[in-house]
Amino acid sequence: MSAHLLLAGCRIVWVLAALFAPEDAAAATYVVDDSGTIPYEAQAPTRWRTATGPNRQMSSEIEGAASVNVRLNVQPWQNRNGRIYLALPQQPIGVVNVEWATQGRLLPGKLQSGERTLVFAGPIRTAFLEDNLAVRVVADGRRVNATQRLQFHFEIDVD
């Protein structure tokens, strides 16, 4: 009886270990070719955020918006399962907050510079994933003294 309990206990530990273990070591991350992605505007115009709160103090944040036609070449991973992320490296102007809405092929979401956020998970059945994103960017206007180019990119983790 005690051997049976020990075996059951080991099985439970193994199941818990499997549930909390890091992702499969065989999974790999690659940068996705997004050279077919086209912003509708060459530059996203920015404006100071409106005053908020009871004292109506002016905000130091600027915000901009843009529409982007995203076209991801996922042909190298076609017929495999993958998780695609939108990534934005750290920026010299400090923290940049980004939010976006989609038309449904990719997931809507938000991120801060230095992060990546899931935009697709599942089987990749076509050579290209396409969607239109409505993007809103917010940054500290005190640190922005010239036009900034944000270098977003997409990454894929495949099994």
N, C-alpha and C. Protein backbone atom coordinates (compact mmCIF):
# COMPACT_ATOMS: atom_id res chain seq x y z
N MET A 1 0.82 -1.18 0.00
CA MET A 1 0.00 0.00 0.00
C MET A 1 0.87 1.25 0.00
N SER A 2 1.93 1.28 0.77
CA SER A 2 2.75 2.48 0.79
C SER A 2 3.46 2.68 -0.55
N ALA A 3 3.85 1.61 -1.24
CA ALA A 3 4.46 1.73 -2.56
C ALA A 3 3.48 2.36 -3.54
N HIS A 4 2.22 1.99 -3.44
CA HIS A 4 1.20 2.54 -4.32
C HIS A 4 1.03 4.04 -4.05
N LEU A 5 1.01 4.43 -2.79
CA LEU A 5 0.89 5.84 -2.45
C LEU A 5 2.11 6.63 -2.93
N LEU A 6 3.28 6.07 -2.81
CA LEU A 6 4.50 6.72 -3.26
C LEU A 6 4.45 6.92 -4.78
N LEU A 7 4.03 5.92 -5.51
CA LEU A 7 3.93 6.00 -6.95
C LEU A 7 2.90 7.08 -7.33
N ALA A 8 1.76 7.08 -6.67
CA ALA A 8 0.74 8.09 -6.94
C ALA A 8 1.30 9.47 -6.63
N GLY A 9 2.02 9.59 -5.51
CA GLY A 9 2.62 10.87 -5.16
C GLY A 9 3.62 11.34 -6.19
N CYS A 10 4.43 10.43 -6.71
CA CYS A 10 5.40 10.77 -7.75
C CYS A 10 4.68 11.23 -9.01
N ARG A 11 3.60 10.56 -9.36
CA ARG A 11 2.83 10.92 -10.53
C ARG A 11 2.27 12.34 -10.38
N ILE A 12 1.79 12.69 -9.20
CA ILE A 12 1.25 14.02 -8.96
C ILE A 12 2.36 15.06 -9.07
N VAL A 13 3.51 14.78 -8.49
CA VAL A 13 4.64 15.70 -8.58
C VAL A 13 5.04 15.89 -10.03
N TRP A 14 5.09 14.80 -10.80
CA TRP A 14 5.47 14.89 -12.21
C TRP A 14 4.47 15.72 -12.99
N VAL A 15 3.17 15.52 -12.73
CA VAL A 15 2.14 16.29 -13.42
C VAL A 15 2.25 17.77 -13.05
N LEU A 16 2.45 18.08 -11.78
CA LEU A 16 2.62 19.47 -11.37
C LEU A 16 3.87 20.08 -11.99
N ALA A 17 4.94 19.32 -12.03
CA ALA A 17 6.18 19.81 -12.64
C ALA A 17 5.95 20.10 -14.12
N ALA A 18 5.21 19.23 -14.79
CA ALA A 18 4.94 19.44 -16.21
C ALA A 18 4.08 20.68 -16.43
N LEU A 19 3.14 20.93 -15.54
CA LEU A 19 2.27 22.10 -15.67
C LEU A 19 3.02 23.40 -15.47
N PHE A 20 3.99 23.42 -14.56
CA PHE A 20 4.69 24.65 -14.24
C PHE A 20 6.07 24.75 -14.87
N ALA A 21 6.43 23.79 -15.70
CA ALA A 21 7.74 23.82 -16.35
C ALA A 21 7.76 24.90 -17.42
N PRO A 22 8.95 25.45 -17.73
CA PRO A 22 9.04 26.41 -18.81
C PRO A 22 8.65 25.75 -20.13
N GLU A 23 8.39 26.60 -21.14
CA GLU A 23 8.00 26.07 -22.44
C GLU A 23 9.04 25.08 -22.95
N ASP A 24 8.61 24.25 -23.84
CA ASP A 24 9.45 23.21 -24.42
C ASP A 24 10.78 23.80 -24.89
N ALA A 25 11.84 23.18 -24.49
CA ALA A 25 13.17 23.67 -24.86
C ALA A 25 13.39 23.61 -26.37
N ALA A 26 12.60 22.78 -27.09
CA ALA A 26 12.74 22.68 -28.53
C ALA A 26 12.10 23.88 -29.25
N ALA A 27 11.27 24.65 -28.55
CA ALA A 27 10.65 25.81 -29.16
C ALA A 27 11.74 26.84 -29.48
N ALA A 28 11.56 27.56 -30.59
CA ALA A 28 12.54 28.55 -31.01
C ALA A 28 11.82 29.84 -31.37
N THR A 29 12.51 30.97 -31.22
CA THR A 29 11.96 32.28 -31.55
C THR A 29 12.66 32.81 -32.79
N TYR A 30 11.86 33.35 -33.72
CA TYR A 30 12.39 33.92 -34.96
C TYR A 30 11.73 35.27 -35.20
N VAL A 31 12.43 36.16 -35.88
CA VAL A 31 11.84 37.43 -36.31
C VAL A 31 11.06 37.14 -37.58
N VAL A 32 9.83 37.66 -37.65
CA VAL A 32 8.96 37.44 -38.80
C VAL A 32 9.19 38.54 -39.84
N ASP A 33 9.25 38.17 -41.10
CA ASP A 33 9.39 39.13 -42.20
C ASP A 33 8.08 39.92 -42.31
N ASP A 34 8.15 41.19 -41.94
CA ASP A 34 6.97 42.04 -42.05
C ASP A 34 7.20 43.16 -43.07
N SER A 35 8.04 42.89 -44.05
CA SER A 35 8.38 43.90 -45.06
C SER A 35 7.17 44.31 -45.90
N GLY A 36 6.11 43.51 -45.89
CA GLY A 36 4.88 43.87 -46.60
C GLY A 36 3.95 44.74 -45.78
N THR A 37 4.34 45.07 -44.56
CA THR A 37 3.52 45.92 -43.69
C THR A 37 3.67 47.38 -44.12
N ILE A 38 2.51 48.06 -44.25
CA ILE A 38 2.51 49.43 -44.74
C ILE A 38 1.67 50.32 -43.83
N PRO A 39 2.30 51.35 -43.24
CA PRO A 39 1.49 52.32 -42.49
C PRO A 39 0.74 53.20 -43.49
N TYR A 40 -0.48 53.57 -43.16
CA TYR A 40 -1.27 54.44 -44.05
C TYR A 40 -0.73 55.86 -44.05
N GLU A 41 -0.07 56.27 -42.98
CA GLU A 41 0.54 57.59 -42.90
C GLU A 41 2.05 57.40 -42.75
N ALA A 42 2.82 58.25 -43.41
CA ALA A 42 4.28 58.16 -43.28
C ALA A 42 4.71 58.53 -41.86
N GLN A 43 4.02 59.50 -41.25
CA GLN A 43 4.29 59.91 -39.88
C GLN A 43 2.97 60.02 -39.14
N ALA A 44 2.95 59.55 -37.92
CA ALA A 44 1.76 59.69 -37.09
C ALA A 44 1.82 61.03 -36.38
N PRO A 45 0.92 61.94 -36.68
CA PRO A 45 0.95 63.23 -35.98
C PRO A 45 0.65 63.04 -34.50
N THR A 46 1.33 63.81 -33.66
CA THR A 46 1.12 63.71 -32.22
C THR A 46 0.52 65.00 -31.70
N ARG A 47 -0.10 64.88 -30.53
CA ARG A 47 -0.65 66.05 -29.87
C ARG A 47 -0.51 65.85 -28.37
N TRP A 48 -0.56 66.95 -27.64
CA TRP A 48 -0.51 66.86 -26.19
C TRP A 48 -1.80 66.25 -25.71
N ARG A 49 -1.72 65.35 -24.73
CA ARG A 49 -2.93 64.77 -24.15
C ARG A 49 -3.69 65.87 -23.40
N THR A 50 -4.98 65.71 -23.37
CA THR A 50 -5.81 66.73 -22.72
C THR A 50 -5.62 66.69 -21.22
N ALA A 51 -5.92 67.82 -20.60
CA ALA A 51 -5.82 67.94 -19.15
C ALA A 51 -6.84 67.03 -18.49
N THR A 52 -6.43 66.40 -17.39
CA THR A 52 -7.32 65.50 -16.68
C THR A 52 -7.28 65.81 -15.19
N GLY A 53 -8.24 65.31 -14.48
CA GLY A 53 -8.26 65.45 -13.03
C GLY A 53 -8.93 66.74 -12.60
N PRO A 54 -9.14 66.89 -11.29
CA PRO A 54 -9.88 68.04 -10.77
C PRO A 54 -9.14 69.37 -10.95
N ASN A 55 -7.81 69.35 -10.97
CA ASN A 55 -7.07 70.61 -11.09
C ASN A 55 -6.78 70.98 -12.55
N ARG A 56 -7.18 70.14 -13.47
CA ARG A 56 -7.04 70.39 -14.91
C ARG A 56 -5.63 70.77 -15.33
N GLN A 57 -4.65 70.13 -14.69
CA GLN A 57 -3.27 70.36 -15.04
C GLN A 57 -2.98 69.75 -16.40
N MET A 58 -2.16 70.42 -17.17
CA MET A 58 -1.80 69.91 -18.49
C MET A 58 -0.93 68.67 -18.34
N SER A 59 -1.20 67.68 -19.14
CA SER A 59 -0.43 66.44 -19.11
C SER A 59 0.90 66.65 -19.82
N SER A 60 1.91 65.90 -19.42
CA SER A 60 3.20 65.96 -20.10
C SER A 60 3.30 64.89 -21.18
N GLU A 61 2.21 64.17 -21.39
CA GLU A 61 2.24 63.08 -22.38
C GLU A 61 1.74 63.56 -23.74
N ILE A 62 2.36 63.00 -24.76
CA ILE A 62 1.87 63.22 -26.12
C ILE A 62 1.31 61.91 -26.62
N GLU A 63 0.36 62.00 -27.55
CA GLU A 63 -0.21 60.79 -28.13
C GLU A 63 -0.34 60.96 -29.63
N GLY A 64 -0.25 59.84 -30.29
CA GLY A 64 -0.41 59.83 -31.74
C GLY A 64 -1.16 58.58 -32.13
N ALA A 65 -1.71 58.61 -33.32
CA ALA A 65 -2.47 57.46 -33.81
C ALA A 65 -2.12 57.22 -35.27
N ALA A 66 -2.19 55.97 -35.65
CA ALA A 66 -1.91 55.60 -37.03
C ALA A 66 -2.66 54.31 -37.36
N SER A 67 -2.90 54.13 -38.64
CA SER A 67 -3.47 52.88 -39.14
C SER A 67 -2.37 52.16 -39.90
N VAL A 68 -2.29 50.86 -39.68
CA VAL A 68 -1.22 50.08 -40.30
C VAL A 68 -1.80 48.82 -40.92
N ASN A 69 -1.47 48.58 -42.18
CA ASN A 69 -1.85 47.35 -42.85
C ASN A 69 -0.72 46.34 -42.63
N VAL A 70 -0.94 45.39 -41.72
CA VAL A 70 0.09 44.41 -41.36
C VAL A 70 0.02 43.22 -42.31
N ARG A 71 1.18 42.85 -42.84
CA ARG A 71 1.29 41.67 -43.70
C ARG A 71 2.54 40.91 -43.26
N LEU A 72 2.31 39.76 -42.62
CA LEU A 72 3.40 38.95 -42.08
C LEU A 72 3.64 37.74 -42.97
N ASN A 73 4.88 37.57 -43.39
CA ASN A 73 5.25 36.40 -44.18
C ASN A 73 5.58 35.26 -43.22
N VAL A 74 4.64 34.35 -43.03
CA VAL A 74 4.81 33.22 -42.12
C VAL A 74 4.98 31.91 -42.88
N GLN A 75 5.28 32.00 -44.17
CA GLN A 75 5.43 30.81 -45.01
C GLN A 75 6.45 29.83 -44.45
N PRO A 76 7.57 30.28 -43.85
CA PRO A 76 8.53 29.30 -43.32
C PRO A 76 7.95 28.41 -42.21
N TRP A 77 6.85 28.84 -41.59
CA TRP A 77 6.27 28.08 -40.48
C TRP A 77 4.87 27.56 -40.81
N GLN A 78 4.55 27.59 -42.10
CA GLN A 78 3.23 27.13 -42.53
C GLN A 78 3.04 25.66 -42.14
N ASN A 79 1.82 25.33 -41.72
CA ASN A 79 1.44 23.99 -41.27
C ASN A 79 2.09 23.60 -39.95
N ARG A 80 2.50 24.59 -39.17
CA ARG A 80 3.01 24.37 -37.82
C ARG A 80 2.21 25.23 -36.86
N ASN A 81 2.32 24.95 -35.59
CA ASN A 81 1.69 25.80 -34.58
C ASN A 81 2.69 26.86 -34.14
N GLY A 82 2.18 28.06 -33.94
CA GLY A 82 3.06 29.14 -33.52
C GLY A 82 2.34 30.18 -32.70
N ARG A 83 3.15 30.98 -32.03
CA ARG A 83 2.67 32.12 -31.26
C ARG A 83 3.43 33.33 -31.78
N ILE A 84 2.68 34.31 -32.29
CA ILE A 84 3.30 35.50 -32.86
C ILE A 84 3.10 36.66 -31.89
N TYR A 85 4.17 37.42 -31.70
CA TYR A 85 4.18 38.54 -30.77
C TYR A 85 4.54 39.82 -31.50
N LEU A 86 3.96 40.93 -31.05
CA LEU A 86 4.40 42.25 -31.47
C LEU A 86 5.38 42.73 -30.41
N ALA A 87 6.54 43.17 -30.83
CA ALA A 87 7.60 43.57 -29.90
C ALA A 87 8.02 45.01 -30.19
N LEU A 88 8.34 45.72 -29.13
CA LEU A 88 8.88 47.07 -29.23
C LEU A 88 10.06 47.17 -28.27
N PRO A 89 11.28 47.29 -28.80
CA PRO A 89 12.46 47.40 -27.92
C PRO A 89 12.40 48.66 -27.06
N GLN A 90 13.28 48.73 -26.05
CA GLN A 90 13.41 49.93 -25.23
C GLN A 90 13.68 51.12 -26.16
N GLN A 91 13.20 52.29 -25.79
CA GLN A 91 13.35 53.48 -26.61
C GLN A 91 14.21 54.52 -25.90
N PRO A 92 15.01 55.28 -26.63
CA PRO A 92 15.84 56.30 -25.99
C PRO A 92 15.01 57.41 -25.34
N ILE A 93 13.75 57.55 -25.73
CA ILE A 93 12.89 58.59 -25.15
C ILE A 93 12.16 58.10 -23.90
N GLY A 94 12.49 56.90 -23.44
CA GLY A 94 11.84 56.37 -22.24
C GLY A 94 10.68 55.46 -22.59
N VAL A 95 9.76 55.36 -21.64
CA VAL A 95 8.63 54.44 -21.79
C VAL A 95 7.67 54.94 -22.87
N VAL A 96 7.33 54.04 -23.77
CA VAL A 96 6.32 54.31 -24.79
C VAL A 96 5.23 53.26 -24.60
N ASN A 97 3.99 53.73 -24.48
CA ASN A 97 2.84 52.84 -24.34
C ASN A 97 2.12 52.76 -25.67
N VAL A 98 1.77 51.54 -26.06
CA VAL A 98 1.12 51.32 -27.35
C VAL A 98 -0.12 50.47 -27.14
N GLU A 99 -1.20 50.85 -27.78
CA GLU A 99 -2.43 50.05 -27.80
C GLU A 99 -2.86 49.92 -29.25
N TRP A 100 -3.53 48.81 -29.57
CA TRP A 100 -4.02 48.66 -30.93
C TRP A 100 -5.30 47.83 -30.94
N ALA A 101 -6.10 48.12 -31.94
CA ALA A 101 -7.31 47.35 -32.23
C ALA A 101 -7.07 46.71 -33.59
N THR A 102 -7.74 45.59 -33.82
CA THR A 102 -7.55 44.87 -35.09
C THR A 102 -8.90 44.63 -35.75
N GLN A 103 -8.85 44.02 -36.91
CA GLN A 103 -10.09 43.63 -37.58
C GLN A 103 -10.38 42.15 -37.37
N GLY A 104 -9.64 41.49 -36.49
CA GLY A 104 -9.99 40.14 -36.10
C GLY A 104 -9.03 39.02 -36.45
N ARG A 105 -8.15 39.22 -37.39
CA ARG A 105 -7.20 38.14 -37.72
C ARG A 105 -6.12 38.05 -36.64
N LEU A 106 -5.65 39.21 -36.18
CA LEU A 106 -4.69 39.27 -35.08
C LEU A 106 -5.43 39.72 -33.83
N LEU A 107 -4.82 39.52 -32.67
CA LEU A 107 -5.44 39.91 -31.40
C LEU A 107 -5.17 41.38 -31.10
N PRO A 108 -6.17 42.09 -30.57
CA PRO A 108 -5.91 43.45 -30.11
C PRO A 108 -5.05 43.38 -28.85
N GLY A 109 -4.43 44.48 -28.47
CA GLY A 109 -3.63 44.43 -27.25
C GLY A 109 -2.95 45.73 -26.93
N LYS A 110 -2.00 45.64 -26.00
CA LYS A 110 -1.21 46.79 -25.60
C LYS A 110 0.13 46.30 -25.10
N LEU A 111 1.10 47.19 -25.13
CA LEU A 111 2.43 46.88 -24.61
C LEU A 111 3.17 48.17 -24.29
N GLN A 112 4.26 48.02 -23.54
CA GLN A 112 5.19 49.10 -23.26
C GLN A 112 6.49 48.78 -23.95
N SER A 113 7.26 49.82 -24.26
CA SER A 113 8.56 49.59 -24.86
C SER A 113 9.37 48.65 -23.97
N GLY A 114 10.09 47.74 -24.59
CA GLY A 114 10.86 46.73 -23.86
C GLY A 114 10.09 45.43 -23.68
N GLU A 115 8.85 45.38 -24.19
CA GLU A 115 8.02 44.18 -24.03
C GLU A 115 7.62 43.62 -25.39
N ARG A 116 7.00 42.46 -25.30
CA ARG A 116 6.34 41.89 -26.47
C ARG A 116 4.99 41.34 -26.00
N THR A 117 4.00 41.34 -26.90
CA THR A 117 2.65 40.92 -26.55
C THR A 117 2.10 40.00 -27.64
N LEU A 118 1.43 38.95 -27.21
CA LEU A 118 0.85 37.97 -28.13
C LEU A 118 -0.18 38.60 -29.04
N VAL A 119 -0.07 38.36 -30.35
CA VAL A 119 -1.06 38.82 -31.31
C VAL A 119 -1.68 37.69 -32.11
N PHE A 120 -1.11 36.47 -32.02
CA PHE A 120 -1.66 35.32 -32.73
C PHE A 120 -1.15 34.05 -32.07
N ALA A 121 -2.03 33.06 -31.95
CA ALA A 121 -1.62 31.75 -31.45
C ALA A 121 -2.46 30.69 -32.16
N GLY A 122 -1.78 29.67 -32.66
CA GLY A 122 -2.52 28.58 -33.29
C GLY A 122 -1.81 28.06 -34.51
N PRO A 123 -2.53 27.24 -35.28
CA PRO A 123 -1.94 26.69 -36.50
C PRO A 123 -1.80 27.76 -37.57
N ILE A 124 -0.69 27.70 -38.27
CA ILE A 124 -0.43 28.64 -39.36
C ILE A 124 -0.78 27.93 -40.66
N ARG A 125 -1.88 28.35 -41.26
CA ARG A 125 -2.42 27.63 -42.41
C ARG A 125 -2.17 28.33 -43.74
N THR A 126 -1.72 29.58 -43.70
CA THR A 126 -1.48 30.34 -44.93
C THR A 126 -0.05 30.89 -44.90
N ALA A 127 0.40 31.33 -46.06
CA ALA A 127 1.76 31.88 -46.15
C ALA A 127 1.85 33.28 -45.57
N PHE A 128 0.73 33.99 -45.51
CA PHE A 128 0.72 35.36 -45.00
C PHE A 128 -0.41 35.53 -44.00
N LEU A 129 -0.15 36.28 -42.94
CA LEU A 129 -1.18 36.71 -42.01
C LEU A 129 -1.33 38.21 -42.22
N GLU A 130 -2.57 38.66 -42.44
CA GLU A 130 -2.82 40.06 -42.72
C GLU A 130 -3.93 40.59 -41.83
N ASP A 131 -3.79 41.84 -41.43
CA ASP A 131 -4.82 42.52 -40.65
C ASP A 131 -4.54 44.01 -40.71
N ASN A 132 -5.54 44.80 -40.36
CA ASN A 132 -5.39 46.25 -40.25
C ASN A 132 -5.42 46.61 -38.78
N LEU A 133 -4.42 47.35 -38.34
CA LEU A 133 -4.33 47.76 -36.95
C LEU A 133 -4.56 49.26 -36.83
N ALA A 134 -5.35 49.64 -35.84
CA ALA A 134 -5.50 51.04 -35.45
C ALA A 134 -4.63 51.19 -34.20
N VAL A 135 -3.54 51.90 -34.33
CA VAL A 135 -2.51 51.98 -33.28
C VAL A 135 -2.56 53.35 -32.62
N ARG A 136 -2.44 53.34 -31.29
CA ARG A 136 -2.35 54.58 -30.51
C ARG A 136 -1.08 54.49 -29.68
N VAL A 137 -0.27 55.53 -29.72
CA VAL A 137 1.02 55.58 -29.02
C VAL A 137 1.00 56.76 -28.05
N VAL A 138 1.50 56.52 -26.82
CA VAL A 138 1.59 57.57 -25.81
C VAL A 138 3.02 57.57 -25.26
N ALA A 139 3.62 58.76 -25.18
CA ALA A 139 4.99 58.89 -24.66
C ALA A 139 5.10 60.18 -23.85
N ASP A 140 6.18 60.30 -23.10
CA ASP A 140 6.46 61.50 -22.32
C ASP A 140 6.94 62.59 -23.26
N GLY A 141 6.13 63.62 -23.45
CA GLY A 141 6.46 64.70 -24.37
C GLY A 141 7.67 65.50 -23.97
N ARG A 142 8.04 65.48 -22.71
CA ARG A 142 9.23 66.21 -22.27
C ARG A 142 10.51 65.58 -22.80
N ARG A 143 10.44 64.32 -23.19
CA ARG A 143 11.64 63.62 -23.66
C ARG A 143 11.72 63.53 -25.17
N VAL A 144 10.66 63.97 -25.84
CA VAL A 144 10.61 63.90 -27.30
C VAL A 144 10.88 65.29 -27.85
N ASN A 145 12.05 65.45 -28.50
CA ASN A 145 12.39 66.77 -29.04
C ASN A 145 12.56 66.75 -30.55
N ALA A 146 12.29 65.61 -31.16
CA ALA A 146 12.38 65.49 -32.61
C ALA A 146 11.52 64.30 -33.03
N THR A 147 11.37 64.14 -34.33
CA THR A 147 10.62 63.00 -34.84
C THR A 147 11.28 61.71 -34.36
N GLN A 148 10.48 60.80 -33.85
CA GLN A 148 10.99 59.51 -33.36
C GLN A 148 10.51 58.40 -34.27
N ARG A 149 11.37 57.45 -34.51
CA ARG A 149 11.01 56.28 -35.32
C ARG A 149 10.96 55.09 -34.37
N LEU A 150 9.77 54.53 -34.19
CA LEU A 150 9.61 53.36 -33.32
C LEU A 150 9.80 52.10 -34.16
N GLN A 151 10.70 51.26 -33.74
CA GLN A 151 11.05 50.06 -34.50
C GLN A 151 10.31 48.83 -33.96
N PHE A 152 9.04 48.73 -34.27
CA PHE A 152 8.29 47.53 -33.91
C PHE A 152 8.77 46.38 -34.77
N HIS A 153 8.61 45.18 -34.28
CA HIS A 153 8.82 44.00 -35.11
C HIS A 153 7.97 42.87 -34.56
N PHE A 154 7.82 41.83 -35.35
CA PHE A 154 7.05 40.67 -34.95
C PHE A 154 8.00 39.50 -34.75
N GLU A 155 7.71 38.70 -33.74
CA GLU A 155 8.49 37.49 -33.44
C GLU A 155 7.54 36.31 -33.40
N ILE A 156 8.06 35.15 -33.75
CA ILE A 156 7.26 33.94 -33.69
C ILE A 156 7.99 32.89 -32.87
N ASP A 157 7.25 32.25 -32.00
CA ASP A 157 7.74 31.07 -31.27
C ASP A 157 7.05 29.87 -31.91
N VAL A 158 7.81 28.93 -32.39
CA VAL A 158 7.23 27.73 -33.00
C VAL A 158 7.61 26.50 -32.20
N ASP A 159 6.73 25.53 -32.23
CA ASP A 159 6.98 24.27 -31.51
C ASP A 159 7.80 23.33 -32.36
